[in-house]
Structure formats: structure tokens, C-alpha cells
């Protein structure tokens, strides 16, 4: 593991679920020289400051849509963790250009400023919904992946490197089904859109450690994908609300029955490196070191419904964080 004690890191969307979890991890494990929390909500920053009062933390009010403010925030930074996004599927469908402005244009601002400011590494958080997207949120995340990985070609002689992580649903994060079920349980009835639905499942601590490892090992242009268990939405309902009635409400606009994290086409340039996969860049921007891994078989597809790891209701119950 690298020595982070001399490093300055910035987390965009730092007041979100992931940002707070990574901040906690950084303070306890990594102990960087400085941590900058960049977000646009002053109330969330005020509340976060009360929870995390540490001399190494700096709170920056700003929006990634504002390129000038982004450049100011990235000055002197070594590592950027780009977690800011408009991520609610229905909100993105109803406000499409707002999603484009944040998830695509905002990411481009991060890229440009990172190169100009001499940032060492940028890791961007993507989503399984970026794979074969059926909604605008997924489409913007696909665009984000493409511009982040391809931005390595804009670096020239500078040392900035860009990569992505792509993972599934985070247990208990804002906008996930867990808070929804907790609210619905009060009425004695929880909703399921389709009984066949499956999802990949990851906890916040797992996501934080995964991003840290990706940041440590990235060489530029990769997409890192963790090996995750799948769960059935019916099993989650049983785990959380065994006494409640289940109401089937029908699949929502922009929703899939199953999620995919690696397609057959991507699998041709993907390696299995143990606890994760690495989707190698199709354009080799720099001389890459050797990843110790094996090639995937022809026709390989990593989807939530063809997974060989499945969570039981009891295992799901253990993973759900307390309210």
C-alpha cells in the first residue's frame, strides 16, 4: 500500500453515502495529509462537519458543473475520487439535460482541471447501469466511463492517470431500496416491481476498500469490476419485512430485470485477477505493467442472473446496516 501521509485527496460528491464512508476510512486507515470534501449542499457540509471535525479536512462548496470552481478546488491535489453524480433514475428521466450537465459535463470539468493542475490519479465511480443502458442515468454513466478512460490520451507528457470502477447496488445508500422498504414497512406492505428481478449487492465498506485498491493499482484507462454476489429482490423483501404483504407494482420506466457488469464484447479484453475483473483499455495509452490474471472464456457475460454467488435472506439481513 502506498504512503498516503503526504497526499492530498479530493472527493467530489463528498457529502454522499460513499463520500462519508471513504472519509471515515481515510481518517482511520490511510491518514492522508489533507482531504477536501467537494459538494454543493452547504447544509450537508454543515452536518458532516459536526460528525467529522478533523484538522486534515477541508470543506469546499462548489458544483462540478462550474469548471472554474473545480480548477480552484483541484489545485495542489494528488488524488481525486469522483463520486458526484445525479443518480436517481426517475429524476434523470424527467430532467434529462440536468443529468447530462452533471454526469457528463461535470466529469469533463474534473478531467480538464485534473490535467491542468497536475493531479496524479483520478478514479471515477460508475455503475452497472452503464452497461447496455436502458435509461438516461445509465447512458450518462456510459459516457462518463468513455470520457474518463479515453481522457488518458489528452495527458500528453504529463503524469495524470484516469480510471473507473464499476459496481452494483450499494446496500443502504441513499436512493437504494433499503430505505424505501424501511419506510413502507410502517404500513405493513412493501412493493416489488417484478418478482424475477435480480441485482448485484455490495456494502459501503466493501465499495470503499474496492475503490482504494483500484486507486493503488490503476495504470490508466482501466475499468475495475468487483466479483459480487447476486440477490433476488423477493429474498430482500423476505429478509427485511417477513411480516409484511408484498405488492407487485410493475417494472418502472428505465428499469431492468437483471443487471450486467461485463458484456460479451468487453470480456474479450478483460482479465480475471482474483477478487475482481479488470477491463483493459482498447487503446493502449501508456506501457502497462503485467496484471497477473487469466483471460475470460469466449462468450463470457457477467450478469446478476447468471452469477455463481447468491445471497440468502439470512445473509442479506446480516449485510443491511442498522437504521
C-alpha atoms as a PDB file:
ATOM      1  CA  UNK A   1       0.000   0.000   0.000  1.00  0.00           C
ATOM      2  CA  UNK A   2       1.256   3.469  -0.859  1.00  0.00           C
ATOM      3  CA  UNK A   3       2.160   6.038   1.752  1.00  0.00           C
ATOM      4  CA  UNK A   4      -0.792   8.424   1.839  1.00  0.00           C
ATOM      5  CA  UNK A   5       0.518  10.620   4.652  1.00  0.00           C
ATOM      6  CA  UNK A   6       1.966  13.105   2.157  1.00  0.00           C
ATOM      7  CA  UNK A   7      -1.009  13.003  -0.209  1.00  0.00           C
ATOM      8  CA  UNK A   8      -3.836  15.479  -0.649  1.00  0.00           C
ATOM      9  CA  UNK A   9      -7.089  13.895  -1.845  1.00  0.00           C
ATOM     10  CA  UNK A  10     -10.363  15.384  -3.038  1.00  0.00           C
ATOM     11  CA  UNK A  11     -13.730  13.619  -3.049  1.00  0.00           C
ATOM     12  CA  UNK A  12     -16.398  15.048  -5.334  1.00  0.00           C
ATOM     13  CA  UNK A  13     -19.893  14.435  -4.013  1.00  0.00           C
ATOM     14  CA  UNK A  14     -18.135  14.072  -0.693  1.00  0.00           C
ATOM     15  CA  UNK A  15     -21.249  14.519   1.446  1.00  0.00           C
ATOM     16  CA  UNK A  16     -22.976  11.489  -0.108  1.00  0.00           C
ATOM     17  CA  UNK A  17     -23.078   7.982   1.323  1.00  0.00           C
ATOM     18  CA  UNK A  18     -19.866   6.876  -0.372  1.00  0.00           C
ATOM     19  CA  UNK A  19     -18.038  10.129   0.361  1.00  0.00           C
ATOM     20  CA  UNK A  20     -18.713   9.908   4.086  1.00  0.00           C
ATOM     21  CA  UNK A  21     -17.740   6.239   4.200  1.00  0.00           C
ATOM     22  CA  UNK A  22     -14.492   6.880   2.326  1.00  0.00           C
ATOM     23  CA  UNK A  23     -13.696   9.854   4.544  1.00  0.00           C
ATOM     24  CA  UNK A  24     -14.101   7.681   7.644  1.00  0.00           C
ATOM     25  CA  UNK A  25     -11.856   5.016   6.104  1.00  0.00           C
ATOM     26  CA  UNK A  26      -9.254   7.588   5.071  1.00  0.00           C
ATOM     27  CA  UNK A  27      -9.058   9.097   8.553  1.00  0.00           C
ATOM     28  CA  UNK A  28      -8.727   5.692  10.230  1.00  0.00           C
ATOM     29  CA  UNK A  29      -6.561   3.791   7.732  1.00  0.00           C
ATOM     30  CA  UNK A  30      -4.930   5.993   5.093  1.00  0.00           C
ATOM     31  CA  UNK A  31      -4.279   9.148   7.153  1.00  0.00           C
ATOM     32  CA  UNK A  32      -3.646  11.491   4.193  1.00  0.00           C
ATOM     33  CA  UNK A  33      -2.099  14.911   4.620  1.00  0.00           C
ATOM     34  CA  UNK A  34      -5.354  16.625   3.619  1.00  0.00           C
ATOM     35  CA  UNK A  35      -8.842  15.626   2.492  1.00  0.00           C
ATOM     36  CA  UNK A  36     -11.028  18.026   0.532  1.00  0.00           C
ATOM     37  CA  UNK A  37     -14.767  17.425   0.508  1.00  0.00           C
ATOM     38  CA  UNK A  38     -16.303  19.000  -2.601  1.00  0.00           C
ATOM     39  CA  UNK A  39     -20.089  19.275  -2.832  1.00  0.00           C
ATOM     40  CA  UNK A  40     -22.805  21.826  -3.491  1.00  0.00           C
ATOM     41  CA  UNK A  41     -25.007  21.399  -0.396  1.00  0.00           C
ATOM     42  CA  UNK A  42     -23.988  23.668   2.484  1.00  0.00           C
ATOM     43  CA  UNK A  43     -26.438  22.024   4.914  1.00  0.00           C
ATOM     44  CA  UNK A  44     -24.952  18.569   4.309  1.00  0.00           C
ATOM     45  CA  UNK A  45     -21.472  20.010   4.753  1.00  0.00           C
ATOM     46  CA  UNK A  46     -22.538  21.683   7.998  1.00  0.00           C
ATOM     47  CA  UNK A  47     -23.938  18.388   9.299  1.00  0.00           C
ATOM     48  CA  UNK A  48     -20.869  16.480   8.105  1.00  0.00           C
ATOM     49  CA  UNK A  49     -18.528  18.960   9.796  1.00  0.00           C
ATOM     50  CA  UNK A  50     -20.228  18.220  13.105  1.00  0.00           C
ATOM     51  CA  UNK A  51     -19.638  14.497  12.568  1.00  0.00           C
ATOM     52  CA  UNK A  52     -16.107  14.773  11.175  1.00  0.00           C
ATOM     53  CA  UNK A  53     -14.149  17.513  12.904  1.00  0.00           C
ATOM     54  CA  UNK A  54     -10.549  16.765  11.932  1.00  0.00           C
ATOM     55  CA  UNK A  55      -7.675  19.166  11.144  1.00  0.00           C
ATOM     56  CA  UNK A  56      -6.896  17.453   7.820  1.00  0.00           C
ATOM     57  CA  UNK A  57     -10.412  18.003   6.372  1.00  0.00           C
ATOM     58  CA  UNK A  58     -11.315  20.960   4.164  1.00  0.00           C
ATOM     59  CA  UNK A  59     -14.889  21.585   3.037  1.00  0.00           C
ATOM     60  CA  UNK A  60     -15.340  23.150  -0.419  1.00  0.00           C
ATOM     61  CA  UNK A  61     -18.739  24.411  -1.542  1.00  0.00           C
ATOM     62  CA  UNK A  62     -18.982  24.030  -5.303  1.00  0.00           C
ATOM     63  CA  UNK A  63     -20.642  22.309  -8.235  1.00  0.00           C
ATOM     64  CA  UNK A  64     -18.729  20.132 -10.693  1.00  0.00           C
ATOM     65  CA  UNK A  65     -20.670  21.939 -13.437  1.00  0.00           C
ATOM     66  CA  UNK A  66     -18.597  25.047 -12.578  1.00  0.00           C
ATOM     67  CA  UNK A  67     -15.246  24.461 -14.272  1.00  0.00           C
ATOM     68  CA  UNK A  68     -13.559  27.469 -12.678  1.00  0.00           C
ATOM     69  CA  UNK A  69     -14.502  26.349  -9.165  1.00  0.00           C
ATOM     70  CA  UNK A  70     -13.410  22.788  -9.928  1.00  0.00           C
ATOM     71  CA  UNK A  71      -9.999  24.049 -11.054  1.00  0.00           C
ATOM     72  CA  UNK A  72      -9.611  26.029  -7.835  1.00  0.00           C
ATOM     73  CA  UNK A  73     -10.567  23.009  -5.715  1.00  0.00           C
ATOM     74  CA  UNK A  74      -8.129  20.668  -7.516  1.00  0.00           C
ATOM     75  CA  UNK A  75      -5.085  22.926  -7.131  1.00  0.00           C
ATOM     76  CA  UNK A  76      -2.391  21.006  -5.274  1.00  0.00           C
ATOM     77  CA  UNK A  77      -4.396  17.761  -5.102  1.00  0.00           C
ATOM     78  CA  UNK A  78      -2.708  14.372  -5.683  1.00  0.00           C
ATOM     79  CA  UNK A  79      -5.695  12.003  -5.932  1.00  0.00           C
ATOM     80  CA  UNK A  80      -9.311  12.647  -6.956  1.00  0.00           C
ATOM     81  CA  UNK A  81     -12.178  10.283  -6.181  1.00  0.00           C
ATOM     82  CA  UNK A  82     -15.025  11.372  -8.447  1.00  0.00           C
ATOM     83  CA  UNK A  83     -18.256  10.280  -6.767  1.00  0.00           C
ATOM     84  CA  UNK A  84     -20.501  13.251  -7.592  1.00  0.00           C
ATOM     85  CA  UNK A  85     -23.441  12.335  -9.805  1.00  0.00           C
ATOM     86  CA  UNK A  86     -27.115  12.799 -10.414  1.00  0.00           C
ATOM     87  CA  UNK A  87     -28.035   9.158  -9.856  1.00  0.00           C
ATOM     88  CA  UNK A  88     -31.771   8.773  -9.305  1.00  0.00           C
ATOM     89  CA  UNK A  89     -33.145   7.045 -12.398  1.00  0.00           C
ATOM     90  CA  UNK A  90     -36.573   8.688 -12.372  1.00  0.00           C
ATOM     91  CA  UNK A  91     -35.175  12.171 -11.724  1.00  0.00           C
ATOM     92  CA  UNK A  92     -32.751  11.760 -14.622  1.00  0.00           C
ATOM     93  CA  UNK A  93     -35.550  10.600 -16.928  1.00  0.00           C
ATOM     94  CA  UNK A  94     -37.679  13.628 -16.040  1.00  0.00           C
ATOM     95  CA  UNK A  95     -34.766  16.126 -16.070  1.00  0.00           C
ATOM     96  CA  UNK A  96     -32.520  14.732 -18.806  1.00  0.00           C
ATOM     97  CA  UNK A  97     -30.355  17.763 -19.513  1.00  0.00           C
ATOM     98  CA  UNK A  98     -29.659  18.224 -15.803  1.00  0.00           C
ATOM     99  CA  UNK A  99     -28.295  14.668 -15.708  1.00  0.00           C
ATOM    100  CA  UNK A 100     -26.132  15.394 -18.760  1.00  0.00           C
ATOM    101  CA  UNK A 101     -24.832  18.612 -17.227  1.00  0.00           C
ATOM    102  CA  UNK A 102     -23.769  16.894 -14.010  1.00  0.00           C
ATOM    103  CA  UNK A 103     -22.722  13.400 -15.048  1.00  0.00           C
ATOM    104  CA  UNK A 104     -21.065  14.219 -18.382  1.00  0.00           C
ATOM    105  CA  UNK A 105     -20.144  17.917 -18.496  1.00  0.00           C
ATOM    106  CA  UNK A 106     -19.228  17.881 -14.805  1.00  0.00           C
ATOM    107  CA  UNK A 107     -16.942  14.897 -15.371  1.00  0.00           C
ATOM    108  CA  UNK A 108     -15.278  16.693 -18.275  1.00  0.00           C
ATOM    109  CA  UNK A 109     -14.566  19.608 -15.937  1.00  0.00           C
ATOM    110  CA  UNK A 110     -12.895  17.217 -13.494  1.00  0.00           C
ATOM    111  CA  UNK A 111     -10.770  15.751 -16.296  1.00  0.00           C
ATOM    112  CA  UNK A 112      -9.628  19.085 -17.705  1.00  0.00           C
ATOM    113  CA  UNK A 113      -8.772  20.541 -14.310  1.00  0.00           C
ATOM    114  CA  UNK A 114      -7.001  17.371 -13.189  1.00  0.00           C
ATOM    115  CA  UNK A 115      -4.682  17.531 -16.210  1.00  0.00           C
ATOM    116  CA  UNK A 116      -4.075  21.284 -15.849  1.00  0.00           C
ATOM    117  CA  UNK A 117      -3.438  21.009 -12.089  1.00  0.00           C
ATOM    118  CA  UNK A 118      -1.109  18.022 -12.367  1.00  0.00           C
ATOM    119  CA  UNK A 119      -3.252  15.611 -10.348  1.00  0.00           C
ATOM    120  CA  UNK A 120      -1.603  12.172 -10.178  1.00  0.00           C
ATOM    121  CA  UNK A 121      -4.640   9.895 -10.278  1.00  0.00           C
ATOM    122  CA  UNK A 122      -8.379  10.236 -10.835  1.00  0.00           C
ATOM    123  CA  UNK A 123     -10.742   7.334 -10.163  1.00  0.00           C
ATOM    124  CA  UNK A 124     -14.383   7.775 -11.214  1.00  0.00           C
ATOM    125  CA  UNK A 125     -17.284   5.793  -9.767  1.00  0.00           C
ATOM    126  CA  UNK A 126     -19.509   4.208 -12.396  1.00  0.00           C
ATOM    127  CA  UNK A 127     -22.440   1.812 -12.190  1.00  0.00           C
ATOM    128  CA  UNK A 128     -23.661  -1.498 -13.569  1.00  0.00           C
ATOM    129  CA  UNK A 129     -26.391   0.597 -15.209  1.00  0.00           C
ATOM    130  CA  UNK A 130     -23.738   1.935 -17.616  1.00  0.00           C
ATOM    131  CA  UNK A 131     -23.672  -1.479 -19.322  1.00  0.00           C
ATOM    132  CA  UNK A 132     -26.206  -1.731 -22.162  1.00  0.00           C
ATOM    133  CA  UNK A 133     -28.113   1.221 -20.658  1.00  0.00           C
ATOM    134  CA  UNK A 134     -31.896   1.379 -20.903  1.00  0.00           C
ATOM    135  CA  UNK A 135     -32.287   4.687 -19.053  1.00  0.00           C
ATOM    136  CA  UNK A 136     -30.671   8.109 -19.239  1.00  0.00           C
ATOM    137  CA  UNK A 137     -28.796   7.706 -15.960  1.00  0.00           C
ATOM    138  CA  UNK A 138     -27.104   4.591 -17.343  1.00  0.00           C
ATOM    139  CA  UNK A 139     -26.393   6.364 -20.632  1.00  0.00           C
ATOM    140  CA  UNK A 140     -24.702   9.260 -18.846  1.00  0.00           C
ATOM    141  CA  UNK A 141     -22.625   6.795 -16.815  1.00  0.00           C
ATOM    142  CA  UNK A 142     -21.605   5.039 -20.032  1.00  0.00           C
ATOM    143  CA  UNK A 143     -20.499   8.405 -21.425  1.00  0.00           C
ATOM    144  CA  UNK A 144     -18.660   9.107 -18.182  1.00  0.00           C
ATOM    145  CA  UNK A 145     -16.748   5.829 -18.453  1.00  0.00           C
ATOM    146  CA  UNK A 146     -15.791   6.557 -22.039  1.00  0.00           C
ATOM    147  CA  UNK A 147     -14.557  10.100 -21.465  1.00  0.00           C
ATOM    148  CA  UNK A 148     -12.698   9.165 -18.271  1.00  0.00           C
ATOM    149  CA  UNK A 149     -10.823   6.217 -19.770  1.00  0.00           C
ATOM    150  CA  UNK A 150     -10.216   7.966 -23.087  1.00  0.00           C
ATOM    151  CA  UNK A 151      -9.023  11.152 -21.359  1.00  0.00           C
ATOM    152  CA  UNK A 152      -5.670   9.424 -20.849  1.00  0.00           C
ATOM    153  CA  UNK A 153      -4.988  10.291 -24.496  1.00  0.00           C
ATOM    154  CA  UNK A 154      -5.184  14.016 -23.609  1.00  0.00           C
ATOM    155  CA  UNK A 155      -2.497  13.846 -20.923  1.00  0.00           C
ATOM    156  CA  UNK A 156       0.495  14.154 -23.262  1.00  0.00           C
ATOM    157  CA  UNK A 157       3.756  14.240 -21.320  1.00  0.00           C
ATOM    158  CA  UNK A 158       2.029  14.883 -18.002  1.00  0.00           C
ATOM    159  CA  UNK A 159       1.702  12.138 -15.394  1.00  0.00           C
ATOM    160  CA  UNK A 160      -2.062  12.309 -14.706  1.00  0.00           C
ATOM    161  CA  UNK A 161      -3.836   8.954 -14.997  1.00  0.00           C
ATOM    162  CA  UNK A 162      -7.584   8.201 -15.186  1.00  0.00           C
ATOM    163  CA  UNK A 163      -9.561   5.007 -14.483  1.00  0.00           C
ATOM    164  CA  UNK A 164     -13.045   3.872 -13.420  1.00  0.00           C
ATOM    165  CA  UNK A 165     -14.646   1.447 -11.021  1.00  0.00           C
ATOM    166  CA  UNK A 166     -17.970  -0.169 -11.886  1.00  0.00           C
ATOM    167  CA  UNK A 167     -20.085  -1.921  -9.274  1.00  0.00           C
ATOM    168  CA  UNK A 168     -23.659  -2.765  -8.343  1.00  0.00           C
ATOM    169  CA  UNK A 169     -26.227  -1.595  -5.827  1.00  0.00           C
ATOM    170  CA  UNK A 170     -24.833  -0.332  -2.533  1.00  0.00           C
ATOM    171  CA  UNK A 171     -26.677  -1.672   0.498  1.00  0.00           C
ATOM    172  CA  UNK A 172     -28.484   1.106   2.332  1.00  0.00           C
ATOM    173  CA  UNK A 173     -27.165   4.027   0.281  1.00  0.00           C
ATOM    174  CA  UNK A 174     -29.400   6.989  -0.495  1.00  0.00           C
ATOM    175  CA  UNK A 175     -31.872   6.056  -3.190  1.00  0.00           C
ATOM    176  CA  UNK A 176     -31.486   2.309  -2.638  1.00  0.00           C
ATOM    177  CA  UNK A 177     -34.431   0.036  -1.916  1.00  0.00           C
ATOM    178  CA  UNK A 178     -33.433  -0.471   1.741  1.00  0.00           C
ATOM    179  CA  UNK A 179     -34.555   2.985   2.980  1.00  0.00           C
ATOM    180  CA  UNK A 180     -37.685   2.630   0.833  1.00  0.00           C
ATOM    181  CA  UNK A 181     -38.593  -0.692   2.446  1.00  0.00           C
ATOM    182  CA  UNK A 182     -37.966   0.697   5.911  1.00  0.00           C
ATOM    183  CA  UNK A 183     -40.483   3.421   5.224  1.00  0.00           C
ATOM    184  CA  UNK A 184     -43.007   1.082   3.596  1.00  0.00           C
ATOM    185  CA  UNK A 185     -42.810  -1.421   6.471  1.00  0.00           C
ATOM    186  CA  UNK A 186     -44.678   1.053   8.656  1.00  0.00           C
ATOM    187  CA  UNK A 187     -47.762   0.462   6.515  1.00  0.00           C
ATOM    188  CA  UNK A 188     -47.437  -3.335   6.597  1.00  0.00           C
ATOM    189  CA  UNK A 189     -46.886  -3.578   2.830  1.00  0.00           C
ATOM    190  CA  UNK A 190     -43.737  -3.438   0.661  1.00  0.00           C
ATOM    191  CA  UNK A 191     -43.622  -3.118  -3.112  1.00  0.00           C
ATOM    192  CA  UNK A 192     -41.771  -5.178  -5.706  1.00  0.00           C
ATOM    193  CA  UNK A 193     -41.717  -4.180  -9.352  1.00  0.00           C
ATOM    194  CA  UNK A 194     -41.152  -7.717 -10.688  1.00  0.00           C
ATOM    195  CA  UNK A 195     -40.643 -10.996  -8.831  1.00  0.00           C
ATOM    196  CA  UNK A 196     -37.964 -12.132 -11.304  1.00  0.00           C
ATOM    197  CA  UNK A 197     -35.693  -9.165 -10.595  1.00  0.00           C
ATOM    198  CA  UNK A 198     -32.072  -9.738  -9.521  1.00  0.00           C
ATOM    199  CA  UNK A 199     -29.309  -7.334  -8.544  1.00  0.00           C
ATOM    200  CA  UNK A 200     -25.627  -7.301  -7.609  1.00  0.00           C
ATOM    201  CA  UNK A 201     -25.124  -6.356  -3.969  1.00  0.00           C
ATOM    202  CA  UNK A 202     -22.199  -4.575  -2.266  1.00  0.00           C
ATOM    203  CA  UNK A 203     -21.825  -2.935   1.142  1.00  0.00           C
ATOM    204  CA  UNK A 204     -20.403   0.555   1.603  1.00  0.00           C
ATOM    205  CA  UNK A 205     -17.246  -0.701   3.383  1.00  0.00           C
ATOM    206  CA  UNK A 206     -16.657  -3.147   0.526  1.00  0.00           C
ATOM    207  CA  UNK A 207     -17.087  -0.354  -2.034  1.00  0.00           C
ATOM    208  CA  UNK A 208     -14.654   1.881  -0.161  1.00  0.00           C
ATOM    209  CA  UNK A 209     -11.955  -0.795   0.031  1.00  0.00           C
ATOM    210  CA  UNK A 210     -12.503  -1.662  -3.623  1.00  0.00           C
ATOM    211  CA  UNK A 211     -12.032   1.961  -4.726  1.00  0.00           C
ATOM    212  CA  UNK A 212      -8.918   2.270  -2.567  1.00  0.00           C
ATOM    213  CA  UNK A 213      -7.359  -0.831  -4.134  1.00  0.00           C
ATOM    214  CA  UNK A 214      -8.255   0.343  -7.643  1.00  0.00           C
ATOM    215  CA  UNK A 215      -6.643   3.702  -6.960  1.00  0.00           C
ATOM    216  CA  UNK A 216      -3.499   1.951  -5.729  1.00  0.00           C
ATOM    217  CA  UNK A 217      -3.141  -0.381  -8.724  1.00  0.00           C
ATOM    218  CA  UNK A 218      -4.518   1.635 -11.660  1.00  0.00           C
ATOM    219  CA  UNK A 219      -2.211   2.337 -14.575  1.00  0.00           C
ATOM    220  CA  UNK A 220      -4.582   4.384 -16.746  1.00  0.00           C
ATOM    221  CA  UNK A 221      -7.630   3.535 -18.836  1.00  0.00           C
ATOM    222  CA  UNK A 222      -8.946   0.525 -16.908  1.00  0.00           C
ATOM    223  CA  UNK A 223     -12.409  -0.231 -15.571  1.00  0.00           C
ATOM    224  CA  UNK A 224     -12.282  -2.301 -12.397  1.00  0.00           C
ATOM    225  CA  UNK A 225     -15.230  -4.607 -11.647  1.00  0.00           C
ATOM    226  CA  UNK A 226     -15.567  -6.476  -8.317  1.00  0.00           C
ATOM    227  CA  UNK A 227     -16.806 -10.031  -8.004  1.00  0.00           C
ATOM    228  CA  UNK A 228     -20.083  -9.598  -6.153  1.00  0.00           C
ATOM    229  CA  UNK A 229     -22.905 -11.861  -5.010  1.00  0.00           C
ATOM    230  CA  UNK A 230     -26.355 -11.523  -6.538  1.00  0.00           C
ATOM    231  CA  UNK A 231     -29.639 -11.316  -4.701  1.00  0.00           C
ATOM    232  CA  UNK A 232     -33.276 -11.788  -5.617  1.00  0.00           C
ATOM    233  CA  UNK A 233     -35.481  -8.823  -4.822  1.00  0.00           C
ATOM    234  CA  UNK A 234     -38.025 -11.235  -3.341  1.00  0.00           C
ATOM    235  CA  UNK A 235     -35.379 -12.511  -0.920  1.00  0.00           C
ATOM    236  CA  UNK A 236     -34.579  -8.955   0.145  1.00  0.00           C
ATOM    237  CA  UNK A 237     -38.254  -8.331   0.890  1.00  0.00           C
ATOM    238  CA  UNK A 238     -38.364 -11.541   2.948  1.00  0.00           C
ATOM    239  CA  UNK A 239     -35.209 -10.546   4.813  1.00  0.00           C
ATOM    240  CA  UNK A 240     -36.342  -7.041   5.679  1.00  0.00           C
ATOM    241  CA  UNK A 241     -40.092  -7.384   6.022  1.00  0.00           C
ATOM    242  CA  UNK A 242     -41.084 -11.028   6.643  1.00  0.00           C
ATOM    243  CA  UNK A 243     -44.378  -9.987   8.231  1.00  0.00           C
ATOM    244  CA  UNK A 244     -45.400  -7.554   5.503  1.00  0.00           C
ATOM    245  CA  UNK A 245     -47.577  -8.122   2.482  1.00  0.00           C
ATOM    246  CA  UNK A 246     -45.865  -7.859  -0.897  1.00  0.00           C
ATOM    247  CA  UNK A 247     -47.486  -5.797  -3.648  1.00  0.00           C
ATOM    248  CA  UNK A 248     -46.335  -6.217  -7.267  1.00  0.00           C
ATOM    249  CA  UNK A 249     -46.425  -2.796  -8.930  1.00  0.00           C
ATOM    250  CA  UNK A 250     -44.848  -3.494 -12.324  1.00  0.00           C
ATOM    251  CA  UNK A 251     -41.454  -2.614 -13.729  1.00  0.00           C
ATOM    252  CA  UNK A 252     -40.691   1.105 -13.773  1.00  0.00           C
ATOM    253  CA  UNK A 253     -39.561   3.181 -16.769  1.00  0.00           C
ATOM    254  CA  UNK A 254     -35.851   2.681 -17.346  1.00  0.00           C
ATOM    255  CA  UNK A 255     -35.593  -0.367 -15.084  1.00  0.00           C
ATOM    256  CA  UNK A 256     -34.050  -3.739 -15.981  1.00  0.00           C
ATOM    257  CA  UNK A 257     -34.923  -7.199 -14.740  1.00  0.00           C
ATOM    258  CA  UNK A 258     -31.237  -8.060 -14.368  1.00  0.00           C
ATOM    259  CA  UNK A 259     -28.047  -6.014 -14.336  1.00  0.00           C
ATOM    260  CA  UNK A 260     -24.891  -6.706 -16.342  1.00  0.00           C
ATOM    261  CA  UNK A 261     -21.391  -5.670 -15.297  1.00  0.00           C
ATOM    262  CA  UNK A 262     -19.343  -7.148 -18.144  1.00  0.00           C
ATOM    263  CA  UNK A 263     -20.704  -7.769 -21.652  1.00  0.00           C
ATOM    264  CA  UNK A 264     -19.556 -10.460 -24.068  1.00  0.00           C
ATOM    265  CA  UNK A 265     -17.734  -7.837 -26.135  1.00  0.00           C
ATOM    266  CA  UNK A 266     -15.936  -6.338 -23.121  1.00  0.00           C
ATOM    267  CA  UNK A 267     -14.969  -9.814 -21.927  1.00  0.00           C
ATOM    268  CA  UNK A 268     -12.592 -10.149 -24.874  1.00  0.00           C
ATOM    269  CA  UNK A 269     -10.280  -7.555 -23.323  1.00  0.00           C
ATOM    270  CA  UNK A 270     -10.983  -8.319 -19.658  1.00  0.00           C
ATOM    271  CA  UNK A 271      -8.823 -10.248 -17.198  1.00  0.00           C
ATOM    272  CA  UNK A 272      -9.871 -12.212 -14.125  1.00  0.00           C
ATOM    273  CA  UNK A 273      -7.364 -11.104 -11.470  1.00  0.00           C
ATOM    274  CA  UNK A 274      -8.737 -12.969  -8.484  1.00  0.00           C
ATOM    275  CA  UNK A 275     -11.213 -10.981  -6.418  1.00  0.00           C
ATOM    276  CA  UNK A 276     -12.022  -8.653  -9.309  1.00  0.00           C
ATOM    277  CA  UNK A 277     -12.004  -8.194 -13.058  1.00  0.00           C
ATOM    278  CA  UNK A 278     -10.096  -5.523 -14.939  1.00  0.00           C
ATOM    279  CA  UNK A 279     -11.446  -4.309 -18.278  1.00  0.00           C
ATOM    280  CA  UNK A 280      -8.307  -3.229 -20.070  1.00  0.00           C
ATOM    281  CA  UNK A 281      -8.370  -0.160 -22.339  1.00  0.00           C
ATOM    282  CA  UNK A 282      -8.803  -0.961 -26.015  1.00  0.00           C
ATOM    283  CA  UNK A 283      -6.402   1.875 -26.814  1.00  0.00           C
ATOM    284  CA  UNK A 284      -3.059   1.454 -25.056  1.00  0.00           C
ATOM    285  CA  UNK A 285      -2.205   4.949 -23.853  1.00  0.00           C
ATOM    286  CA  UNK A 286       0.902   4.017 -21.862  1.00  0.00           C
ATOM    287  CA  UNK A 287       3.141   0.963 -21.403  1.00  0.00           C
ATOM    288  CA  UNK A 288       1.133  -1.164 -18.948  1.00  0.00           C
ATOM    289  CA  UNK A 289       2.617  -3.438 -16.350  1.00  0.00           C
ATOM    290  CA  UNK A 290       1.504  -7.022 -16.250  1.00  0.00           C
ATOM    291  CA  UNK A 291      -1.755  -7.854 -14.483  1.00  0.00           C
ATOM    292  CA  UNK A 292      -1.472 -11.321 -13.035  1.00  0.00           C
ATOM    293  CA  UNK A 293      -4.718 -12.811 -14.260  1.00  0.00           C
ATOM    294  CA  UNK A 294      -6.387 -15.052 -16.781  1.00  0.00           C
ATOM    295  CA  UNK A 295      -8.377 -14.317 -19.898  1.00  0.00           C
ATOM    296  CA  UNK A 296     -12.109 -14.919 -19.846  1.00  0.00           C
ATOM    297  CA  UNK A 297     -13.720 -17.679 -21.923  1.00  0.00           C
ATOM    298  CA  UNK A 298     -15.387 -16.841 -25.206  1.00  0.00           C
ATOM    299  CA  UNK A 299     -18.978 -15.690 -24.686  1.00  0.00           C
ATOM    300  CA  UNK A 300     -18.429 -14.777 -21.027  1.00  0.00           C
ATOM    301  CA  UNK A 301     -21.079 -12.424 -19.637  1.00  0.00           C
ATOM    302  CA  UNK A 302     -21.147 -11.251 -16.038  1.00  0.00           C
ATOM    303  CA  UNK A 303     -24.791 -10.632 -15.118  1.00  0.00           C
ATOM    304  CA  UNK A 304     -26.798 -10.679 -11.899  1.00  0.00           C
ATOM    305  CA  UNK A 305     -28.934 -13.613 -13.104  1.00  0.00           C
ATOM    306  CA  UNK A 306     -26.085 -15.903 -14.233  1.00  0.00           C
ATOM    307  CA  UNK A 307     -23.874 -15.371 -11.192  1.00  0.00           C
ATOM    308  CA  UNK A 308     -22.443 -18.310  -9.243  1.00  0.00           C
ATOM    309  CA  UNK A 309     -22.720 -16.424  -5.925  1.00  0.00           C
ATOM    310  CA  UNK A 310     -26.171 -15.869  -4.404  1.00  0.00           C
ATOM    311  CA  UNK A 311     -27.207 -14.324  -1.089  1.00  0.00           C
ATOM    312  CA  UNK A 312     -29.812 -15.971   1.102  1.00  0.00           C
ATOM    313  CA  UNK A 313     -32.377 -13.909   3.063  1.00  0.00           C
ATOM    314  CA  UNK A 314     -30.312 -14.511   6.232  1.00  0.00           C
ATOM    315  CA  UNK A 315     -27.129 -13.283   4.561  1.00  0.00           C
ATOM    316  CA  UNK A 316     -28.941 -10.235   3.220  1.00  0.00           C
ATOM    317  CA  UNK A 317     -30.239  -9.463   6.704  1.00  0.00           C
ATOM    318  CA  UNK A 318     -26.680  -9.527   8.065  1.00  0.00           C
ATOM    319  CA  UNK A 319     -25.451  -7.113   5.362  1.00  0.00           C
ATOM    320  CA  UNK A 320     -28.155  -4.483   5.878  1.00  0.00           C
ATOM    321  CA  UNK A 321     -26.817  -1.647   8.048  1.00  0.00           C
ATOM    322  CA  UNK A 322     -28.824  -0.551  11.113  1.00  0.00           C
ATOM    323  CA  UNK A 323     -31.374   2.202  10.599  1.00  0.00           C
END
